[in-house]
Amino acid sequence: MQRSIIAPAERVTNLRWGIALILGFGVLINYIDRGALSVASKPLHDDLGIGPEQFGWLSGAFFAVYAIAQLPVGYILDRYGVTVISRIGAFLWSLAAAATALAPNFAAIVGARLFLGVAEAPTFPANAKATGYWFPKSERSFATSLFDAAAKLSNAIGVPFTAFLMVQLGWRGMFWSTAVLSLIFFVLFYVFYRNPSEDKRLTYAEKKYIQEGGAEPETVDGVRPRGASYLYLLRQRKVWGLTLGFSAYGYLFGFLITWLPTYLQSTFGVNILKAGGYVLLIWGVGTIADLIVGGYLVDYFIKRGADPNRVRKTALVAGLVLGFAIVGAAYTKDINVAVFWITIAVAGISFHAPVGWSLPALIAPRNSTGQVGAIMNCLNNVANFFAPVVTGYIVGTTGSFYAALVTAGVILIIGIFSYTVILGHIDKTPEPAGA
């Protein structure tokens, strides 16, 4: 990087935290786009005759293509970097939301959701890569929590917000509104995001602080320094330990983001606005847990000299253990008791998630963070795909969410095993021969 483009002030400023907030705002809009469909389940049934099984496939369609797109997106990100790919993706979000608003039938809505899956595929691998560029290792958990918590916050405020829009404007008007929000983010990202080497606002002292703290090397002008291949990464135990553990989280998260409002409405007989209030509470707690436990406290203990491996693995495993509380909701007919158990589960998986997303940059060989993040997020979203589809069949067959809640909890046991037995020590994967 050339010093000539660095602002002259010789102090460690906080530009990097502004970058983290931009990334977080993008995830907030991203997840409002994704979650809007869950709010529209009843009018889609009334207008287009979409039943539980079809709604499960419709919800899963996004995750299917999103998962498949992760692997090429990871390679493209490591080749061309964050800036260009994220700009293109953000612009396409708005087009996908508009296509949903225009869809005349079930097939067209499926097509729009597939398009949205492709458009949003770069988001989390790109954010993990950008965080690696912009933050030293000692701050990476909290930086990651700022964009990961936005996913939880979007569920907290997104459901009541989109429910209000739907009541006022209809389901098509709701999707037009999310299209406008996506376009706003595209403009903000285009104007304000730069990689550290390109940002003239970055002071030399802050640049030095980031680099000396273990920042990842950038992809510059489409030139990708040689890194590991997918074939090599898929043979690494650490990559599989992270991927399987995170996928167990992904199943429960996929179930909650697609079915939670419908579950509350159908099981307890509340309307969508009241269900939105409960969802606000549940994901509001999740957002706080994400930021404070998965972000601030993890970095705090590491800075105070605690073993980074132990701190991170404890957060990963404890989060999934608390996630098992989702099973408690299967054994009650009281909505307040159900919401209590679901809130505990969401708090656990919420503080687990930013720690998981900080790991690709910590375990990947040089210049391979995007690809490790893509492998992890690919299987995570395969789980996201199966969660609504399996739930749709369970609910359609049994007329109840009992088995769906128990299934989501049991799958977490796989994740706990993966983190404790398969992942091993959280450090860099060895470089491939000849790298």
Protein backbone atom coordinates (compact mmCIF):
# COMPACT_ATOMS: atom_id res chain seq x y z
CA MET A 1 0.00 0.00 0.00
CA GLN A 2 1.24 3.46 -0.85
CA ARG A 3 1.56 5.94 1.97
CA SER A 4 0.73 8.78 -0.41
CA ILE A 5 -3.00 8.10 -0.24
CA ILE A 6 -3.08 7.96 3.57
CA ALA A 7 -4.48 10.91 5.48
CA PRO A 8 -1.72 12.76 7.37
CA ALA A 9 -3.11 12.56 10.92
CA GLU A 10 -0.76 10.31 12.91
CA ARG A 11 -3.26 8.75 15.30
CA VAL A 12 -5.30 5.59 15.44
CA THR A 13 -8.70 6.86 14.39
CA ASN A 14 -11.92 4.81 14.15
CA LEU A 15 -12.58 4.68 10.42
CA ARG A 16 -12.60 0.88 10.60
CA TRP A 17 -15.65 0.96 12.89
CA GLY A 18 -17.49 3.12 10.38
CA ILE A 19 -16.75 0.46 7.77
CA ALA A 20 -18.15 -2.19 10.13
CA LEU A 21 -21.37 -0.18 10.50
CA ILE A 22 -21.75 0.02 6.71
CA LEU A 23 -21.37 -3.75 6.47
CA GLY A 24 -23.89 -4.17 9.28
CA PHE A 25 -26.44 -1.92 7.59
CA GLY A 26 -26.15 -4.01 4.45
CA VAL A 27 -26.87 -7.21 6.37
CA LEU A 28 -29.85 -5.52 8.04
CA ILE A 29 -31.41 -4.75 4.64
CA ASN A 30 -30.34 -8.15 3.31
CA TYR A 31 -32.24 -10.00 6.01
CA ILE A 32 -35.29 -7.78 5.81
CA ASP A 33 -35.43 -8.86 2.14
CA ARG A 34 -35.12 -12.52 3.12
CA GLY A 35 -37.54 -12.42 6.04
CA ALA A 36 -40.30 -10.49 4.28
CA LEU A 37 -41.53 -13.72 2.72
CA SER A 38 -42.32 -15.23 6.14
CA VAL A 39 -44.66 -12.32 6.86
CA ALA A 40 -46.51 -12.83 3.58
CA SER A 41 -47.40 -16.51 4.07
CA LYS A 42 -51.13 -15.92 4.72
CA PRO A 43 -51.81 -13.47 1.85
CA LEU A 44 -49.80 -15.70 -0.50
CA HIS A 45 -52.08 -18.54 0.52
CA ASP A 46 -55.19 -16.40 0.05
CA ASP A 47 -54.14 -14.81 -3.26
CA LEU A 48 -52.17 -17.60 -4.92
CA GLY A 49 -53.27 -20.74 -3.08
CA ILE A 50 -49.83 -21.50 -1.65
CA GLY A 51 -50.15 -24.18 1.10
CA PRO A 52 -47.63 -25.23 3.81
CA GLU A 53 -45.69 -27.65 1.58
CA GLN A 54 -45.42 -25.13 -1.26
CA PHE A 55 -44.48 -22.38 1.19
CA GLY A 56 -41.74 -24.61 2.55
CA TRP A 57 -40.33 -25.08 -0.96
CA LEU A 58 -40.72 -21.38 -1.67
CA SER A 59 -38.82 -20.48 1.49
CA GLY A 60 -36.16 -23.07 0.74
CA ALA A 61 -35.68 -21.94 -2.87
CA PHE A 62 -33.67 -18.92 -1.76
CA PHE A 63 -31.36 -21.00 0.41
CA ALA A 64 -30.82 -23.66 -2.25
CA VAL A 65 -29.40 -21.32 -4.86
CA TYR A 66 -27.70 -19.20 -2.18
CA ALA A 67 -25.85 -22.31 -1.00
CA ILE A 68 -24.86 -23.42 -4.51
CA ALA A 69 -23.61 -19.92 -5.34
CA GLN A 70 -21.27 -19.80 -2.33
CA LEU A 71 -18.43 -21.79 -3.91
CA PRO A 72 -18.04 -19.74 -7.11
CA VAL A 73 -18.62 -16.56 -5.09
CA GLY A 74 -15.79 -17.50 -2.70
CA TYR A 75 -13.38 -17.92 -5.59
CA ILE A 76 -14.54 -14.69 -7.25
CA LEU A 77 -14.14 -12.77 -3.99
CA ASP A 78 -10.59 -14.03 -3.52
CA ARG A 79 -9.90 -13.12 -7.16
CA TYR A 80 -11.58 -9.69 -7.46
CA GLY A 81 -11.99 -8.53 -3.87
CA VAL A 82 -14.83 -7.10 -1.84
CA THR A 83 -15.59 -3.75 -3.43
CA VAL A 84 -16.71 -4.68 -6.95
CA ILE A 85 -18.52 -7.92 -6.06
CA SER A 86 -20.43 -6.38 -3.15
CA ARG A 87 -21.52 -3.42 -5.28
CA ILE A 88 -22.92 -5.70 -7.97
CA GLY A 89 -24.68 -7.89 -5.42
CA ALA A 90 -26.30 -4.96 -3.60
CA PHE A 91 -27.72 -3.58 -6.84
CA LEU A 92 -29.17 -6.95 -7.77
CA TRP A 93 -30.94 -7.28 -4.39
CA SER A 94 -33.24 -4.43 -5.27
CA LEU A 95 -34.08 -5.96 -8.65
CA ALA A 96 -34.93 -9.28 -7.00
CA ALA A 97 -37.27 -7.66 -4.48
CA ALA A 98 -38.99 -5.78 -7.31
CA ALA A 99 -39.37 -9.04 -9.24
CA THR A 100 -41.12 -10.59 -6.22
CA ALA A 101 -43.54 -7.67 -6.07
CA LEU A 102 -44.39 -8.19 -9.76
CA ALA A 103 -44.73 -11.99 -9.61
CA PRO A 104 -48.14 -13.18 -10.88
CA ASN A 105 -47.96 -16.79 -9.63
CA PHE A 106 -46.10 -19.35 -7.54
CA ALA A 107 -43.52 -20.18 -10.23
CA ALA A 108 -42.65 -16.52 -10.73
CA ILE A 109 -42.16 -15.99 -6.99
CA VAL A 110 -39.87 -19.03 -6.88
CA GLY A 111 -37.87 -17.51 -9.74
CA ALA A 112 -37.60 -14.19 -7.91
CA ARG A 113 -36.39 -15.93 -4.75
CA LEU A 114 -33.78 -17.86 -6.73
CA PHE A 115 -32.59 -14.56 -8.20
CA LEU A 116 -32.40 -13.06 -4.70
CA GLY A 117 -30.31 -16.04 -3.57
CA VAL A 118 -27.73 -15.39 -6.28
CA ALA A 119 -27.70 -11.63 -5.59
CA GLU A 120 -27.19 -12.00 -1.84
CA ALA A 121 -24.69 -14.88 -2.03
CA PRO A 122 -21.56 -12.69 -1.66
CA THR A 123 -22.77 -10.86 1.45
CA PHE A 124 -21.39 -12.84 4.37
CA PRO A 125 -18.17 -14.16 2.73
CA ALA A 126 -17.48 -10.61 1.51
CA ASN A 127 -18.12 -9.15 4.97
CA ALA A 128 -15.86 -11.75 6.59
CA LYS A 129 -13.17 -10.87 4.05
CA ALA A 130 -13.65 -7.11 4.53
CA THR A 131 -13.41 -7.55 8.30
CA GLY A 132 -10.13 -9.41 7.77
CA TYR A 133 -8.85 -6.45 5.71
CA TRP A 134 -9.95 -3.78 8.17
CA PHE A 135 -9.50 -5.23 11.67
CA PRO A 136 -6.69 -6.67 13.78
CA LYS A 137 -7.36 -10.12 15.21
CA SER A 138 -7.95 -8.71 18.71
CA GLU A 139 -11.00 -6.75 17.48
CA ARG A 140 -12.36 -9.16 14.93
CA SER A 141 -15.05 -10.84 17.04
CA PHE A 142 -16.74 -7.55 17.91
CA ALA A 143 -16.35 -6.24 14.36
CA THR A 144 -17.91 -9.44 13.05
CA SER A 145 -20.71 -9.18 15.61
CA LEU A 146 -21.67 -5.76 14.22
CA PHE A 147 -22.68 -7.23 10.88
CA ASP A 148 -23.84 -10.59 12.24
CA ALA A 149 -26.03 -8.92 14.89
CA ALA A 150 -27.67 -6.98 12.10
CA ALA A 151 -29.11 -10.28 10.87
CA LYS A 152 -30.72 -10.79 14.26
CA LEU A 153 -31.82 -7.16 14.52
CA SER A 154 -33.43 -7.39 11.11
CA ASN A 155 -35.54 -10.28 12.38
CA ALA A 156 -36.44 -8.24 15.47
CA ILE A 157 -37.49 -5.09 13.64
CA GLY A 158 -38.00 -6.54 10.17
CA VAL A 159 -41.02 -8.71 10.96
CA PRO A 160 -43.07 -5.96 12.67
CA PHE A 161 -41.84 -3.42 10.09
CA THR A 162 -42.72 -5.55 7.07
CA ALA A 163 -45.96 -6.66 8.77
CA PHE A 164 -46.91 -2.99 9.09
CA LEU A 165 -46.01 -2.38 5.45
CA MET A 166 -48.08 -5.37 4.38
CA VAL A 167 -51.12 -4.23 6.37
CA GLN A 168 -50.83 -0.75 4.85
CA LEU A 169 -49.69 -1.55 1.30
CA GLY A 170 -50.45 -5.24 0.71
CA TRP A 171 -47.81 -7.91 0.15
CA ARG A 172 -46.77 -6.49 -3.22
CA GLY A 173 -46.32 -3.02 -1.74
CA MET A 174 -44.23 -4.55 1.03
CA PHE A 175 -41.81 -6.04 -1.51
CA TRP A 176 -41.64 -2.76 -3.44
CA SER A 177 -40.61 -1.10 -0.18
CA THR A 178 -37.80 -3.59 0.43
CA ALA A 179 -36.61 -3.02 -3.15
CA VAL A 180 -36.23 0.70 -2.36
CA LEU A 181 -34.33 -0.06 0.86
CA SER A 182 -31.92 -2.30 -1.05
CA LEU A 183 -31.29 0.43 -3.59
CA ILE A 184 -30.52 2.89 -0.78
CA PHE A 185 -27.89 0.52 0.61
CA PHE A 186 -26.33 0.10 -2.84
CA VAL A 187 -25.84 3.88 -3.07
CA LEU A 188 -24.38 4.11 0.46
CA PHE A 189 -21.98 1.21 -0.12
CA TYR A 190 -20.89 2.61 -3.49
CA VAL A 191 -20.12 5.99 -1.95
CA PHE A 192 -18.54 5.03 1.37
CA TYR A 193 -16.89 1.61 1.20
CA ARG A 194 -13.26 1.29 0.14
CA ASN A 195 -10.60 -1.26 0.94
CA PRO A 196 -7.89 0.09 3.32
CA SER A 197 -5.38 0.55 0.48
CA GLU A 198 -7.90 2.68 -1.44
CA ASP A 199 -9.38 4.79 1.37
CA LYS A 200 -7.91 8.29 1.58
CA ARG A 201 -9.61 8.88 4.93
CA LEU A 202 -7.44 6.22 6.62
CA THR A 203 -4.65 7.63 8.78
CA TYR A 204 -1.22 6.10 8.61
CA ALA A 205 -1.38 5.24 12.31
CA GLU A 206 -4.67 3.37 11.94
CA LYS A 207 -3.37 1.55 8.87
CA LYS A 208 -0.27 0.48 10.81
CA TYR A 209 -2.38 -0.59 13.79
CA ILE A 210 -4.56 -2.77 11.55
CA GLN A 211 -1.63 -4.33 9.71
CA GLU A 212 0.44 -5.05 12.81
CA GLY A 213 -2.61 -6.63 14.44
CA GLY A 214 -2.76 -9.33 11.78
CA ALA A 215 -4.92 -7.92 8.96
CA GLU A 216 -5.46 -10.11 5.90
CA PRO A 217 -3.74 -9.13 2.62
CA GLU A 218 -6.00 -7.47 0.08
CA THR A 219 -6.98 -8.49 -3.42
CA VAL A 220 -5.96 -5.52 -5.58
CA ASP A 221 -7.01 -4.75 -9.18
CA GLY A 222 -8.21 -8.29 -9.87
CA VAL A 223 -4.82 -9.79 -8.98
CA ARG A 224 -5.26 -12.68 -6.58
CA PRO A 225 -2.12 -13.76 -4.73
CA ARG A 226 -1.86 -17.51 -4.87
CA GLY A 227 -3.83 -19.28 -2.17
CA ALA A 228 -5.21 -22.74 -1.51
CA SER A 229 -7.54 -24.54 -3.90
CA TYR A 230 -11.01 -25.76 -2.96
CA LEU A 231 -9.78 -29.33 -3.35
CA TYR A 232 -7.05 -28.71 -0.78
CA LEU A 233 -9.39 -26.90 1.64
CA LEU A 234 -12.00 -29.67 1.45
CA ARG A 235 -9.38 -32.12 2.70
CA GLN A 236 -8.71 -30.09 5.85
CA ARG A 237 -10.18 -31.24 9.16
CA LYS A 238 -10.47 -27.70 10.54
CA VAL A 239 -12.56 -26.60 7.59
CA TRP A 240 -14.98 -29.49 8.11
CA GLY A 241 -15.12 -28.96 11.87
CA LEU A 242 -16.13 -25.35 11.37
CA THR A 243 -18.49 -26.11 8.50
CA LEU A 244 -20.47 -28.90 10.16
CA GLY A 245 -20.73 -27.00 13.43
CA PHE A 246 -21.97 -23.87 11.72
CA SER A 247 -24.43 -25.84 9.61
CA ALA A 248 -26.14 -27.17 12.74
CA TYR A 249 -26.67 -23.55 13.75
CA GLY A 250 -27.89 -22.86 10.21
CA TYR A 251 -30.72 -25.40 10.45
CA LEU A 252 -32.21 -23.79 13.55
CA PHE A 253 -31.67 -20.29 12.19
CA GLY A 254 -33.28 -21.24 8.87
CA PHE A 255 -36.28 -22.69 10.68
CA LEU A 256 -36.73 -19.55 12.80
CA ILE A 257 -36.28 -17.00 10.02
CA THR A 258 -38.83 -18.70 7.76
CA TRP A 259 -41.43 -20.24 10.11
CA LEU A 260 -41.40 -18.35 13.44
CA PRO A 261 -44.21 -15.86 12.64
CA THR A 262 -46.35 -18.63 11.13
CA TYR A 263 -45.66 -20.91 14.12
CA LEU A 264 -46.81 -18.26 16.57
CA GLN A 265 -49.92 -17.49 14.52
CA SER A 266 -51.04 -21.06 13.85
CA THR A 267 -50.13 -22.61 17.21
CA PHE A 268 -51.37 -19.85 19.52
CA GLY A 269 -53.94 -18.05 17.37
CA VAL A 270 -52.37 -14.57 17.45
CA ASN A 271 -52.53 -12.17 14.50
CA ILE A 272 -49.48 -11.16 12.48
CA LEU A 273 -48.96 -7.87 14.32
CA LYS A 274 -48.98 -9.56 17.74
CA ALA A 275 -46.73 -12.31 16.40
CA GLY A 276 -44.43 -9.54 15.16
CA GLY A 277 -44.26 -8.14 18.70
CA TYR A 278 -43.10 -11.50 20.06
CA VAL A 279 -40.59 -11.82 17.24
CA LEU A 280 -39.27 -8.34 18.11
CA LEU A 281 -38.67 -9.49 21.68
CA ILE A 282 -37.03 -12.78 20.70
CA TRP A 283 -34.64 -11.35 18.12
CA GLY A 284 -34.04 -8.19 20.16
CA VAL A 285 -32.56 -10.37 22.90
CA GLY A 286 -30.62 -12.25 20.22
CA THR A 287 -29.15 -9.00 18.90
CA ILE A 288 -27.96 -7.96 22.36
CA ALA A 289 -26.43 -11.39 23.01
CA ASP A 290 -24.69 -11.29 19.63
CA LEU A 291 -23.05 -7.92 20.32
CA ILE A 292 -22.25 -8.29 24.02
CA VAL A 293 -21.33 -11.96 24.37
CA GLY A 294 -20.25 -13.04 20.88
CA GLY A 295 -18.59 -9.71 20.13
CA TYR A 296 -17.51 -7.60 23.08
CA LEU A 297 -16.88 -10.27 25.73
CA VAL A 298 -14.97 -12.61 23.41
CA ASP A 299 -12.59 -9.80 22.42
CA TYR A 300 -12.43 -8.55 26.03
CA PHE A 301 -11.26 -11.88 27.43
CA ILE A 302 -8.75 -12.36 24.62
CA LYS A 303 -7.30 -8.87 25.14
CA ARG A 304 -7.04 -9.61 28.88
CA GLY A 305 -4.79 -12.55 28.13
CA ALA A 306 -7.19 -15.50 28.05
CA ASP A 307 -6.39 -18.30 25.62
CA PRO A 308 -8.07 -17.25 22.32
CA ASN A 309 -8.74 -20.85 21.33
CA ARG A 310 -10.49 -21.65 24.60
CA VAL A 311 -12.54 -18.45 24.60
CA ARG A 312 -13.79 -18.92 21.05
CA LYS A 313 -14.53 -22.64 21.37
CA THR A 314 -16.38 -22.07 24.64
CA ALA A 315 -18.59 -19.47 22.96
CA LEU A 316 -19.23 -21.76 19.98
CA VAL A 317 -20.23 -24.78 22.06
CA ALA A 318 -22.15 -22.87 24.75
CA GLY A 319 -24.19 -21.10 22.08
CA LEU A 320 -25.37 -24.39 20.57
CA VAL A 321 -26.07 -25.88 24.01
CA LEU A 322 -28.38 -22.96 24.78
CA GLY A 323 -29.89 -23.34 21.31
CA PHE A 324 -31.20 -26.73 22.43
CA ALA A 325 -33.74 -24.80 24.54
CA ILE A 326 -35.85 -24.67 21.36
CA VAL A 327 -37.09 -28.15 22.31
CA GLY A 328 -38.80 -26.66 25.37
CA ALA A 329 -41.26 -24.84 23.11
CA ALA A 330 -42.52 -28.18 21.81
CA TYR A 331 -43.91 -29.11 25.23
CA THR A 332 -46.14 -26.14 26.04
CA LYS A 333 -49.44 -24.65 24.93
CA ASP A 334 -48.68 -21.31 26.62
CA ILE A 335 -47.30 -18.74 24.18
CA ASN A 336 -45.33 -16.96 26.91
CA VAL A 337 -43.57 -20.17 27.94
CA ALA A 338 -42.83 -20.99 24.31
CA VAL A 339 -41.42 -17.52 23.70
CA PHE A 340 -39.26 -17.88 26.85
CA TRP A 341 -37.63 -21.07 25.55
CA ILE A 342 -37.26 -19.73 22.02
CA THR A 343 -35.65 -16.55 23.35
CA ILE A 344 -33.02 -18.56 25.25
CA ALA A 345 -32.31 -20.60 22.11
CA VAL A 346 -32.01 -17.50 19.93
CA ALA A 347 -29.69 -15.81 22.45
CA GLY A 348 -27.40 -18.85 22.33
CA ILE A 349 -27.18 -19.23 18.57
CA SER A 350 -26.87 -15.45 18.21
CA PHE A 351 -23.69 -15.13 20.27
CA HIS A 352 -22.37 -18.29 18.62
CA ALA A 353 -22.68 -16.84 15.11
CA PRO A 354 -20.14 -13.94 15.10
CA VAL A 355 -17.51 -16.22 16.62
CA GLY A 356 -18.18 -18.70 13.83
CA TRP A 357 -17.93 -15.99 11.19
CA SER A 358 -14.61 -14.74 12.61
CA LEU A 359 -13.03 -18.17 12.10
CA PRO A 360 -12.56 -18.25 8.28
CA ALA A 361 -10.00 -15.45 8.50
CA LEU A 362 -8.36 -17.18 11.49
CA ILE A 363 -8.02 -20.71 10.07
CA ALA A 364 -7.72 -20.12 6.32
CA PRO A 365 -4.34 -20.41 4.59
CA ARG A 366 -3.06 -17.22 3.01
CA ASN A 367 -5.38 -15.58 0.48
CA SER A 368 -8.09 -18.19 1.00
CA THR A 369 -10.46 -16.56 3.49
CA GLY A 370 -13.19 -16.05 0.92
CA GLN A 371 -13.12 -19.70 -0.08
CA VAL A 372 -13.17 -21.03 3.49
CA GLY A 373 -16.06 -18.68 4.26
CA ALA A 374 -17.82 -19.88 1.13
CA ILE A 375 -17.46 -23.57 2.06
CA MET A 376 -18.79 -22.85 5.55
CA ASN A 377 -21.68 -20.78 4.25
CA CYS A 378 -22.50 -23.23 1.48
CA LEU A 379 -23.31 -26.07 3.87
CA ASN A 380 -24.82 -23.61 6.33
CA ASN A 381 -27.33 -22.65 3.67
CA VAL A 382 -27.91 -26.24 2.61
CA ALA A 383 -29.14 -26.58 6.20
CA ASN A 384 -31.10 -23.33 5.79
CA PHE A 385 -32.73 -24.89 2.71
CA PHE A 386 -33.75 -28.14 4.39
CA ALA A 387 -35.08 -26.44 7.52
CA PRO A 388 -38.14 -24.75 5.94
CA VAL A 389 -38.75 -27.62 3.50
CA VAL A 390 -38.67 -30.32 6.20
CA THR A 391 -40.75 -28.13 8.49
CA GLY A 392 -43.31 -27.60 5.75
CA TYR A 393 -43.77 -31.34 5.30
CA ILE A 394 -43.90 -31.98 9.05
CA VAL A 395 -46.51 -29.27 9.60
CA GLY A 396 -48.49 -30.28 6.50
CA THR A 397 -48.52 -33.93 7.57
CA THR A 398 -49.04 -33.62 11.34
CA GLY A 399 -50.73 -30.23 11.62
CA SER A 400 -48.30 -29.40 14.43
CA PHE A 401 -44.84 -27.88 14.98
CA TYR A 402 -43.92 -30.37 17.73
CA ALA A 403 -41.69 -32.62 15.62
CA ALA A 404 -40.21 -29.64 13.76
CA LEU A 405 -39.05 -28.01 17.01
CA VAL A 406 -37.55 -31.26 18.33
CA THR A 407 -35.77 -31.90 15.02
CA ALA A 408 -34.17 -28.44 15.07
CA GLY A 409 -32.89 -29.04 18.59
CA VAL A 410 -31.51 -32.53 17.97
CA ILE A 411 -29.48 -31.37 14.96
CA LEU A 412 -27.54 -29.04 17.28
CA ILE A 413 -25.93 -32.13 18.85
CA ILE A 414 -24.07 -32.68 15.55
CA GLY A 415 -22.72 -29.14 15.76
CA ILE A 416 -21.55 -29.55 19.35
CA PHE A 417 -19.71 -32.77 18.41
CA SER A 418 -18.12 -31.08 15.40
CA TYR A 419 -16.75 -28.15 17.39
CA THR A 420 -15.48 -30.24 20.29
CA VAL A 421 -14.03 -33.22 18.37
CA ILE A 422 -13.42 -32.32 14.71
CA LEU A 423 -12.41 -28.63 14.65
CA GLY A 424 -9.32 -28.92 16.82
CA HIS A 425 -7.20 -25.90 17.72
CA ILE A 426 -8.29 -22.62 16.13
CA ASP A 427 -5.21 -21.56 14.18
CA LYS A 428 -4.04 -21.33 10.59
CA THR A 429 -4.47 -24.34 8.34
CA PRO A 430 -1.09 -25.37 6.88
CA GLU A 431 -0.21 -23.88 3.52
CA PRO A 432 -0.52 -26.22 0.53
CA ALA A 433 2.75 -27.47 -0.91
CA GLY A 434 4.28 -24.95 -3.29
CA ALA A 435 2.21 -22.00 -2.02
